[in-house]
Amino acid sequence: QVQLVESGGGLVQPGGSLRLSCAASGFTFSNYAMNWYRQAPGKERELVASITSAGGSTNYAYPVKGRFTISTDNAKNTVYLQMNSLKPEDTAVYYCNARPTYWRGDYWGQGTQVTVSS
């Protein structure tokens, strides 16, 4: 079965860095866009970063541009979110998402907590 297993969250001080990992099993990336979402308490879920296999295109939400980088290791079937220069407003639960290109039905990870605080 398809699974997305996230790791790498934790507590970090403002200005620090974390790298989130999402290990995928049961499918390959070729037919999917891979995404990172986040949701803070009392706020709507928001898309943070996306990467597609076709053309290797990446996109980022404006608040994280220049600070976050999404990437994949196809040999490991893993997607990463490198987060640098973290700010308190980055505090949220971060979710890995796989979105099919040609059919309906997303896959989601369980989420990993990122807390940025001094």
N, C-alpha and C. Protein backbone atom coordinates (compact mmCIF):
# COMPACT_ATOMS: atom_id res chain seq x y z
N GLN A 1 0.83 -1.19 0.00
CA GLN A 1 0.00 0.00 0.00
C GLN A 1 0.88 1.25 0.00
N VAL A 2 0.28 2.34 -0.45
CA VAL A 2 0.99 3.60 -0.48
C VAL A 2 1.13 4.14 0.93
N GLN A 3 2.34 4.55 1.26
CA GLN A 3 2.62 5.16 2.56
C GLN A 3 3.58 6.33 2.39
N LEU A 4 3.35 7.36 3.18
CA LEU A 4 4.26 8.48 3.30
C LEU A 4 4.61 8.62 4.77
N VAL A 5 5.88 8.47 5.10
CA VAL A 5 6.34 8.51 6.48
C VAL A 5 7.27 9.69 6.65
N GLU A 6 6.87 10.62 7.52
CA GLU A 6 7.60 11.85 7.72
C GLU A 6 8.48 11.78 8.96
N SER A 7 9.56 12.54 8.93
CA SER A 7 10.44 12.64 10.07
C SER A 7 11.22 13.95 9.98
N GLY A 8 11.89 14.31 11.05
CA GLY A 8 12.79 15.45 11.04
C GLY A 8 12.30 16.68 11.77
N GLY A 9 11.07 16.67 12.23
CA GLY A 9 10.57 17.81 12.96
C GLY A 9 11.18 17.92 14.34
N GLY A 10 10.93 19.04 14.99
CA GLY A 10 11.45 19.26 16.32
C GLY A 10 11.39 20.70 16.72
N LEU A 11 12.08 21.01 17.81
CA LEU A 11 12.16 22.36 18.35
C LEU A 11 13.47 22.99 17.92
N VAL A 12 13.39 24.19 17.38
CA VAL A 12 14.57 24.90 16.92
C VAL A 12 14.43 26.38 17.24
N GLN A 13 15.55 27.04 17.48
CA GLN A 13 15.53 28.48 17.75
C GLN A 13 15.37 29.28 16.47
N PRO A 14 14.82 30.48 16.56
CA PRO A 14 14.75 31.34 15.38
C PRO A 14 16.12 31.49 14.72
N GLY A 15 16.12 31.42 13.39
CA GLY A 15 17.36 31.47 12.64
C GLY A 15 17.99 30.12 12.39
N GLY A 16 17.48 29.09 13.04
CA GLY A 16 18.02 27.76 12.88
C GLY A 16 17.50 27.05 11.65
N SER A 17 17.91 25.79 11.51
CA SER A 17 17.56 25.00 10.34
C SER A 17 17.06 23.62 10.74
N LEU A 18 16.21 23.07 9.91
CA LEU A 18 15.75 21.70 10.01
C LEU A 18 15.59 21.13 8.62
N ARG A 19 15.75 19.83 8.49
CA ARG A 19 15.44 19.15 7.24
C ARG A 19 14.39 18.08 7.50
N LEU A 20 13.24 18.24 6.88
CA LEU A 20 12.18 17.26 6.97
C LEU A 20 12.34 16.22 5.87
N SER A 21 12.02 14.98 6.19
CA SER A 21 12.08 13.90 5.23
C SER A 21 10.73 13.23 5.11
N CYS A 22 10.42 12.78 3.92
CA CYS A 22 9.19 12.03 3.66
C CYS A 22 9.56 10.82 2.82
N ALA A 23 9.53 9.66 3.44
CA ALA A 23 9.86 8.42 2.76
C ALA A 23 8.60 7.81 2.17
N ALA A 24 8.59 7.63 0.87
CA ALA A 24 7.43 7.11 0.15
C ALA A 24 7.63 5.64 -0.17
N SER A 25 6.55 4.88 -0.08
CA SER A 25 6.56 3.49 -0.47
C SER A 25 5.25 3.16 -1.17
N GLY A 26 5.28 2.15 -2.01
CA GLY A 26 4.09 1.72 -2.73
C GLY A 26 3.84 2.44 -4.04
N PHE A 27 4.67 3.40 -4.38
CA PHE A 27 4.55 4.11 -5.65
C PHE A 27 5.87 4.81 -5.94
N THR A 28 5.99 5.31 -7.14
CA THR A 28 7.14 6.10 -7.54
C THR A 28 6.70 7.51 -7.90
N PHE A 29 7.67 8.40 -7.94
CA PHE A 29 7.36 9.82 -8.09
C PHE A 29 6.95 10.22 -9.49
N SER A 30 7.14 9.37 -10.49
CA SER A 30 7.01 9.80 -11.88
C SER A 30 5.62 10.31 -12.24
N ASN A 31 4.58 9.79 -11.59
CA ASN A 31 3.21 10.18 -11.91
C ASN A 31 2.59 11.11 -10.86
N TYR A 32 3.42 11.70 -10.02
CA TYR A 32 2.93 12.51 -8.91
C TYR A 32 3.69 13.81 -8.80
N ALA A 33 2.98 14.81 -8.33
CA ALA A 33 3.63 15.98 -7.74
C ALA A 33 3.77 15.73 -6.25
N MET A 34 4.92 16.08 -5.70
CA MET A 34 5.16 15.95 -4.28
C MET A 34 5.10 17.33 -3.65
N ASN A 35 4.42 17.41 -2.53
CA ASN A 35 4.15 18.69 -1.90
C ASN A 35 4.39 18.61 -0.40
N TRP A 36 4.74 19.76 0.15
CA TRP A 36 4.74 19.95 1.59
C TRP A 36 3.68 20.99 1.94
N TYR A 37 2.80 20.63 2.85
CA TYR A 37 1.83 21.54 3.43
C TYR A 37 2.17 21.78 4.89
N ARG A 38 1.58 22.82 5.46
CA ARG A 38 1.70 23.03 6.89
C ARG A 38 0.40 23.61 7.42
N GLN A 39 0.15 23.36 8.69
CA GLN A 39 -1.03 23.89 9.35
C GLN A 39 -0.68 24.29 10.78
N ALA A 40 -0.87 25.56 11.07
CA ALA A 40 -0.67 26.08 12.41
C ALA A 40 -1.99 26.06 13.16
N PRO A 41 -1.97 26.03 14.49
CA PRO A 41 -3.21 26.02 15.26
C PRO A 41 -4.10 27.20 14.91
N GLY A 42 -5.37 26.91 14.65
CA GLY A 42 -6.34 27.94 14.34
C GLY A 42 -6.24 28.51 12.94
N LYS A 43 -5.37 27.96 12.11
CA LYS A 43 -5.19 28.46 10.76
C LYS A 43 -5.50 27.37 9.74
N GLU A 44 -5.75 27.80 8.51
CA GLU A 44 -5.99 26.86 7.43
C GLU A 44 -4.69 26.20 6.99
N ARG A 45 -4.84 25.00 6.46
CA ARG A 45 -3.70 24.32 5.85
C ARG A 45 -3.22 25.11 4.64
N GLU A 46 -1.92 25.26 4.50
CA GLU A 46 -1.38 25.99 3.38
C GLU A 46 -0.28 25.20 2.69
N LEU A 47 -0.22 25.36 1.39
CA LEU A 47 0.82 24.73 0.60
C LEU A 47 2.12 25.51 0.77
N VAL A 48 3.19 24.80 1.08
CA VAL A 48 4.49 25.41 1.33
C VAL A 48 5.40 25.30 0.12
N ALA A 49 5.51 24.09 -0.44
CA ALA A 49 6.43 23.85 -1.54
C ALA A 49 5.96 22.67 -2.35
N SER A 50 6.28 22.68 -3.65
CA SER A 50 5.89 21.62 -4.56
C SER A 50 7.05 21.29 -5.49
N ILE A 51 7.09 20.05 -5.92
CA ILE A 51 8.05 19.63 -6.93
C ILE A 51 7.39 18.60 -7.83
N THR A 52 7.65 18.72 -9.14
CA THR A 52 7.10 17.79 -10.12
C THR A 52 8.24 17.12 -10.87
N SER A 53 8.02 15.86 -11.25
CA SER A 53 9.03 15.13 -12.01
C SER A 53 9.17 15.67 -13.42
N ALA A 54 8.06 16.08 -14.02
CA ALA A 54 8.06 16.63 -15.37
C ALA A 54 8.73 18.00 -15.37
N GLY A 55 9.93 18.05 -15.91
CA GLY A 55 10.67 19.29 -15.96
C GLY A 55 11.37 19.68 -14.68
N GLY A 56 11.18 18.90 -13.63
CA GLY A 56 11.81 19.21 -12.36
C GLY A 56 11.40 20.55 -11.78
N SER A 57 10.17 20.95 -12.04
CA SER A 57 9.68 22.25 -11.61
C SER A 57 9.44 22.28 -10.11
N THR A 58 9.83 23.39 -9.49
CA THR A 58 9.55 23.62 -8.08
C THR A 58 8.82 24.93 -7.90
N ASN A 59 8.00 24.99 -6.87
CA ASN A 59 7.28 26.20 -6.52
C ASN A 59 7.23 26.33 -5.01
N TYR A 60 7.22 27.58 -4.55
CA TYR A 60 7.24 27.87 -3.13
C TYR A 60 6.23 28.94 -2.78
N ALA A 61 5.64 28.81 -1.61
CA ALA A 61 4.82 29.88 -1.09
C ALA A 61 5.69 31.09 -0.81
N TYR A 62 5.15 32.27 -1.01
CA TYR A 62 5.94 33.49 -0.86
C TYR A 62 6.64 33.60 0.50
N PRO A 63 5.97 33.27 1.62
CA PRO A 63 6.65 33.45 2.91
C PRO A 63 7.92 32.61 3.10
N VAL A 64 8.10 31.56 2.31
CA VAL A 64 9.27 30.69 2.50
C VAL A 64 10.27 30.79 1.37
N LYS A 65 9.99 31.58 0.36
CA LYS A 65 10.90 31.71 -0.77
C LYS A 65 12.26 32.22 -0.31
N GLY A 66 13.30 31.56 -0.78
CA GLY A 66 14.65 31.91 -0.40
C GLY A 66 15.12 31.27 0.88
N ARG A 67 14.21 30.65 1.64
CA ARG A 67 14.57 30.02 2.90
C ARG A 67 14.39 28.50 2.88
N PHE A 68 13.37 28.03 2.16
CA PHE A 68 13.07 26.60 2.10
C PHE A 68 13.43 26.06 0.73
N THR A 69 13.83 24.80 0.69
CA THR A 69 14.14 24.12 -0.56
C THR A 69 13.53 22.73 -0.54
N ILE A 70 12.74 22.41 -1.56
CA ILE A 70 12.19 21.07 -1.70
C ILE A 70 13.05 20.31 -2.70
N SER A 71 13.29 19.04 -2.41
CA SER A 71 14.10 18.21 -3.29
C SER A 71 13.68 16.76 -3.13
N THR A 72 14.11 15.93 -4.07
CA THR A 72 13.84 14.50 -4.00
C THR A 72 15.11 13.71 -4.20
N ASP A 73 15.16 12.56 -3.59
CA ASP A 73 16.18 11.56 -3.84
C ASP A 73 15.44 10.38 -4.43
N ASN A 74 15.47 10.27 -5.75
CA ASN A 74 14.66 9.26 -6.42
C ASN A 74 15.11 7.83 -6.09
N ALA A 75 16.39 7.64 -5.86
CA ALA A 75 16.88 6.32 -5.50
C ALA A 75 16.30 5.85 -4.18
N LYS A 76 16.08 6.78 -3.27
CA LYS A 76 15.51 6.46 -1.97
C LYS A 76 14.01 6.67 -1.90
N ASN A 77 13.42 7.18 -3.00
CA ASN A 77 11.99 7.51 -3.03
C ASN A 77 11.60 8.39 -1.85
N THR A 78 12.39 9.44 -1.66
CA THR A 78 12.23 10.32 -0.52
C THR A 78 12.20 11.77 -0.98
N VAL A 79 11.32 12.55 -0.38
CA VAL A 79 11.27 13.97 -0.64
C VAL A 79 11.68 14.70 0.63
N TYR A 80 12.41 15.80 0.46
CA TYR A 80 12.94 16.56 1.57
C TYR A 80 12.43 17.99 1.54
N LEU A 81 12.39 18.59 2.69
CA LEU A 81 12.18 20.03 2.80
C LEU A 81 13.26 20.59 3.71
N GLN A 82 14.24 21.25 3.10
CA GLN A 82 15.28 21.92 3.85
C GLN A 82 14.78 23.29 4.26
N MET A 83 14.76 23.55 5.54
CA MET A 83 14.23 24.79 6.09
C MET A 83 15.35 25.54 6.79
N ASN A 84 15.70 26.69 6.26
CA ASN A 84 16.74 27.54 6.83
C ASN A 84 16.14 28.85 7.30
N SER A 85 16.88 29.55 8.13
CA SER A 85 16.46 30.86 8.65
C SER A 85 15.04 30.80 9.19
N LEU A 86 14.78 29.82 10.02
CA LEU A 86 13.43 29.59 10.51
C LEU A 86 12.95 30.74 11.39
N LYS A 87 11.67 31.02 11.27
CA LYS A 87 11.02 32.08 12.01
C LYS A 87 9.92 31.48 12.88
N PRO A 88 9.53 32.17 13.96
CA PRO A 88 8.44 31.67 14.79
C PRO A 88 7.16 31.40 14.01
N GLU A 89 6.89 32.19 12.98
CA GLU A 89 5.69 31.98 12.19
C GLU A 89 5.74 30.74 11.32
N ASP A 90 6.89 30.07 11.26
CA ASP A 90 6.98 28.79 10.57
C ASP A 90 6.49 27.64 11.44
N THR A 91 6.20 27.91 12.70
CA THR A 91 5.72 26.87 13.60
C THR A 91 4.40 26.29 13.09
N ALA A 92 4.37 24.98 12.90
CA ALA A 92 3.20 24.31 12.36
C ALA A 92 3.46 22.82 12.33
N VAL A 93 2.41 22.06 12.05
CA VAL A 93 2.56 20.67 11.68
C VAL A 93 2.75 20.62 10.17
N TYR A 94 3.81 19.96 9.74
CA TYR A 94 4.14 19.87 8.32
C TYR A 94 3.75 18.50 7.80
N TYR A 95 3.06 18.49 6.66
CA TYR A 95 2.53 17.27 6.06
C TYR A 95 3.12 17.06 4.68
N CYS A 96 3.54 15.85 4.42
CA CYS A 96 3.95 15.43 3.09
C CYS A 96 2.73 14.99 2.30
N ASN A 97 2.69 15.34 1.03
CA ASN A 97 1.55 15.05 0.18
C ASN A 97 2.03 14.58 -1.19
N ALA A 98 1.37 13.56 -1.71
CA ALA A 98 1.60 13.08 -3.07
C ALA A 98 0.31 13.24 -3.86
N ARG A 99 0.37 14.00 -4.94
CA ARG A 99 -0.82 14.32 -5.73
C ARG A 99 -0.68 13.73 -7.12
N PRO A 100 -1.58 12.79 -7.49
CA PRO A 100 -1.49 12.19 -8.83
C PRO A 100 -1.70 13.22 -9.93
N THR A 101 -0.99 13.02 -11.03
CA THR A 101 -1.10 13.92 -12.16
C THR A 101 -2.38 13.69 -12.95
N TYR A 102 -2.81 12.43 -13.11
CA TYR A 102 -3.88 12.09 -14.03
C TYR A 102 -5.13 11.50 -13.40
N TRP A 103 -5.19 11.42 -12.07
CA TRP A 103 -6.38 10.93 -11.43
C TRP A 103 -6.53 11.57 -10.05
N ARG A 104 -7.71 11.40 -9.48
CA ARG A 104 -8.05 12.03 -8.22
C ARG A 104 -7.67 11.13 -7.05
N GLY A 105 -7.27 11.75 -5.95
CA GLY A 105 -6.99 11.01 -4.73
C GLY A 105 -5.58 11.22 -4.22
N ASP A 106 -5.41 12.12 -3.27
CA ASP A 106 -4.10 12.43 -2.71
C ASP A 106 -3.71 11.42 -1.63
N TYR A 107 -2.40 11.31 -1.42
CA TYR A 107 -1.86 10.58 -0.29
C TYR A 107 -1.21 11.57 0.66
N TRP A 108 -1.34 11.30 1.95
CA TRP A 108 -0.85 12.20 2.98
C TRP A 108 -0.02 11.46 4.01
N GLY A 109 1.01 12.13 4.50
CA GLY A 109 1.75 11.63 5.63
C GLY A 109 1.05 11.97 6.94
N GLN A 110 1.62 11.50 8.04
CA GLN A 110 0.99 11.69 9.34
C GLN A 110 1.25 13.06 9.94
N GLY A 111 2.21 13.77 9.41
CA GLY A 111 2.57 15.08 9.91
C GLY A 111 3.71 15.03 10.90
N THR A 112 4.52 16.08 10.91
CA THR A 112 5.60 16.21 11.87
C THR A 112 5.62 17.65 12.39
N GLN A 113 5.75 17.79 13.69
CA GLN A 113 5.67 19.09 14.33
C GLN A 113 6.99 19.84 14.21
N VAL A 114 6.90 21.08 13.77
CA VAL A 114 8.04 21.99 13.75
C VAL A 114 7.69 23.17 14.65
N THR A 115 8.52 23.40 15.66
CA THR A 115 8.31 24.51 16.58
C THR A 115 9.55 25.39 16.57
N VAL A 116 9.35 26.66 16.26
CA VAL A 116 10.44 27.63 16.20
C VAL A 116 10.22 28.62 17.34
N SER A 117 11.07 28.56 18.34
CA SER A 117 10.88 29.37 19.53
C SER A 117 12.20 29.52 20.26
N SER A 118 12.37 30.66 20.90
CA SER A 118 13.53 30.89 21.75
C SER A 118 13.21 30.61 23.20
